[in-house]
């Protein structure tokens, strides 16, 4: 399987699963951290960190070119940008 096919497959699996993505915060080093629920175990979640468009996930698929957890976070960030929000939230008006 090519890297392109793996990435496309991860994006397909991420569709409809973005509700499992929760923004946790941004570290002083500039890493935005998200928790993404597992699709296999409701008591498990993986952390996805983002910095400079580099995505890292704590799931076993981290060694692959893509996993659906990283893809789901990328979808959330792109959606926020399209609505004029910061890629990583919450924004002050969302907190109020």
Protein backbone atom coordinates (compact mmCIF):
# COMPACT_ATOMS: atom_id res chain seq x y z
CA UNK A 1 0.00 0.00 0.00
CA UNK A 2 1.39 3.40 -0.96
CA UNK A 3 1.74 6.32 1.46
CA UNK A 4 -0.88 8.22 -0.52
CA UNK A 5 -3.36 5.37 -0.17
CA UNK A 6 -2.68 5.16 3.57
CA UNK A 7 -3.26 8.89 4.01
CA UNK A 8 -6.48 8.79 1.99
CA UNK A 9 -7.66 5.82 4.05
CA UNK A 10 -6.93 7.66 7.30
CA UNK A 11 -8.93 10.67 6.13
CA UNK A 12 -11.85 8.40 5.17
CA UNK A 13 -11.80 6.77 8.62
CA UNK A 14 -11.61 10.18 10.32
CA UNK A 15 -14.84 11.37 8.69
CA UNK A 16 -17.65 11.18 11.17
CA UNK A 17 -15.27 10.69 14.07
CA UNK A 18 -14.33 14.30 14.69
CA UNK A 19 -16.69 14.37 17.70
CA UNK A 20 -14.03 12.25 19.44
CA UNK A 21 -11.52 15.14 19.20
CA UNK A 22 -11.08 17.39 22.25
CA UNK A 23 -8.65 20.32 22.47
CA UNK A 24 -6.65 20.15 25.71
CA UNK A 25 -4.40 23.21 25.43
CA UNK A 26 -1.19 24.60 24.01
CA UNK A 27 2.10 24.12 25.83
CA UNK A 28 4.61 26.89 26.44
CA UNK A 29 6.67 25.27 23.66
CA UNK A 30 3.87 25.88 21.17
CA UNK A 31 2.52 22.32 20.92
CA UNK A 32 -1.27 22.20 20.64
CA UNK A 33 -2.52 19.02 22.29
CA UNK A 34 -5.71 17.15 21.50
CA UNK A 35 -7.23 14.04 23.02
CA UNK A 36 -8.84 11.71 20.48
CA UNK A 37 -11.04 8.88 21.69
CA UNK A 38 -10.30 5.36 20.51
CA UNK A 39 -12.79 3.75 18.16
CA UNK A 40 -12.17 0.35 19.77
CA UNK A 41 -12.25 1.12 23.49
CA UNK A 42 -14.45 3.83 25.00
CA UNK A 43 -12.09 4.10 27.96
CA UNK A 44 -9.02 4.77 25.83
CA UNK A 45 -7.79 7.88 24.06
CA UNK A 46 -4.66 8.99 22.26
CA UNK A 47 -2.93 12.34 22.37
CA UNK A 48 -2.21 14.19 19.15
CA UNK A 49 0.21 17.10 19.30
CA UNK A 50 0.59 19.69 16.55
CA UNK A 51 3.31 22.22 15.95
CA UNK A 52 4.17 23.86 12.64
CA UNK A 53 1.81 21.46 10.81
CA UNK A 54 3.74 18.48 12.18
CA UNK A 55 1.32 15.97 13.74
CA UNK A 56 2.33 13.36 16.31
CA UNK A 57 0.03 10.71 17.79
CA UNK A 58 0.52 8.30 20.68
CA UNK A 59 -1.41 5.50 18.92
CA UNK A 60 0.31 2.34 17.65
CA UNK A 61 -0.04 3.65 14.07
CA UNK A 62 2.42 6.48 14.73
CA UNK A 63 4.98 4.66 12.61
CA UNK A 64 2.69 4.79 9.57
CA UNK A 65 2.43 7.83 7.29
CA UNK A 66 -1.05 8.56 8.71
CA UNK A 67 -3.56 7.50 11.34
CA UNK A 68 -7.20 8.53 11.64
CA UNK A 69 -6.50 10.36 14.92
CA UNK A 70 -4.09 12.78 13.23
CA UNK A 71 -6.48 13.11 10.29
CA UNK A 72 -9.42 13.94 12.57
CA UNK A 73 -7.39 16.70 14.27
CA UNK A 74 -6.36 18.05 10.85
CA UNK A 75 -10.04 18.16 9.79
CA UNK A 76 -11.02 20.04 12.96
CA UNK A 77 -8.19 22.56 12.52
CA UNK A 78 -9.05 23.13 8.84
CA UNK A 79 -12.73 23.62 9.68
CA UNK A 80 -11.89 26.20 12.34
CA UNK A 81 -9.68 28.12 9.92
CA UNK A 82 -12.43 28.11 7.27
CA UNK A 83 -14.78 29.73 9.80
CA UNK A 84 -12.23 32.45 10.58
CA UNK A 85 -11.20 31.00 13.95
CA UNK A 86 -7.74 30.18 15.18
CA UNK A 87 -6.71 26.66 14.18
CA UNK A 88 -6.31 25.67 17.82
CA UNK A 89 -8.97 26.76 20.28
CA UNK A 90 -10.83 27.71 22.24
CA UNK A 91 -11.02 31.35 21.29
CA UNK A 92 -11.97 33.97 23.92
CA UNK A 93 -15.54 34.20 22.56
CA UNK A 94 -15.91 30.41 22.80
CA UNK A 95 -14.94 30.45 26.47
CA UNK A 96 -17.41 33.21 27.40
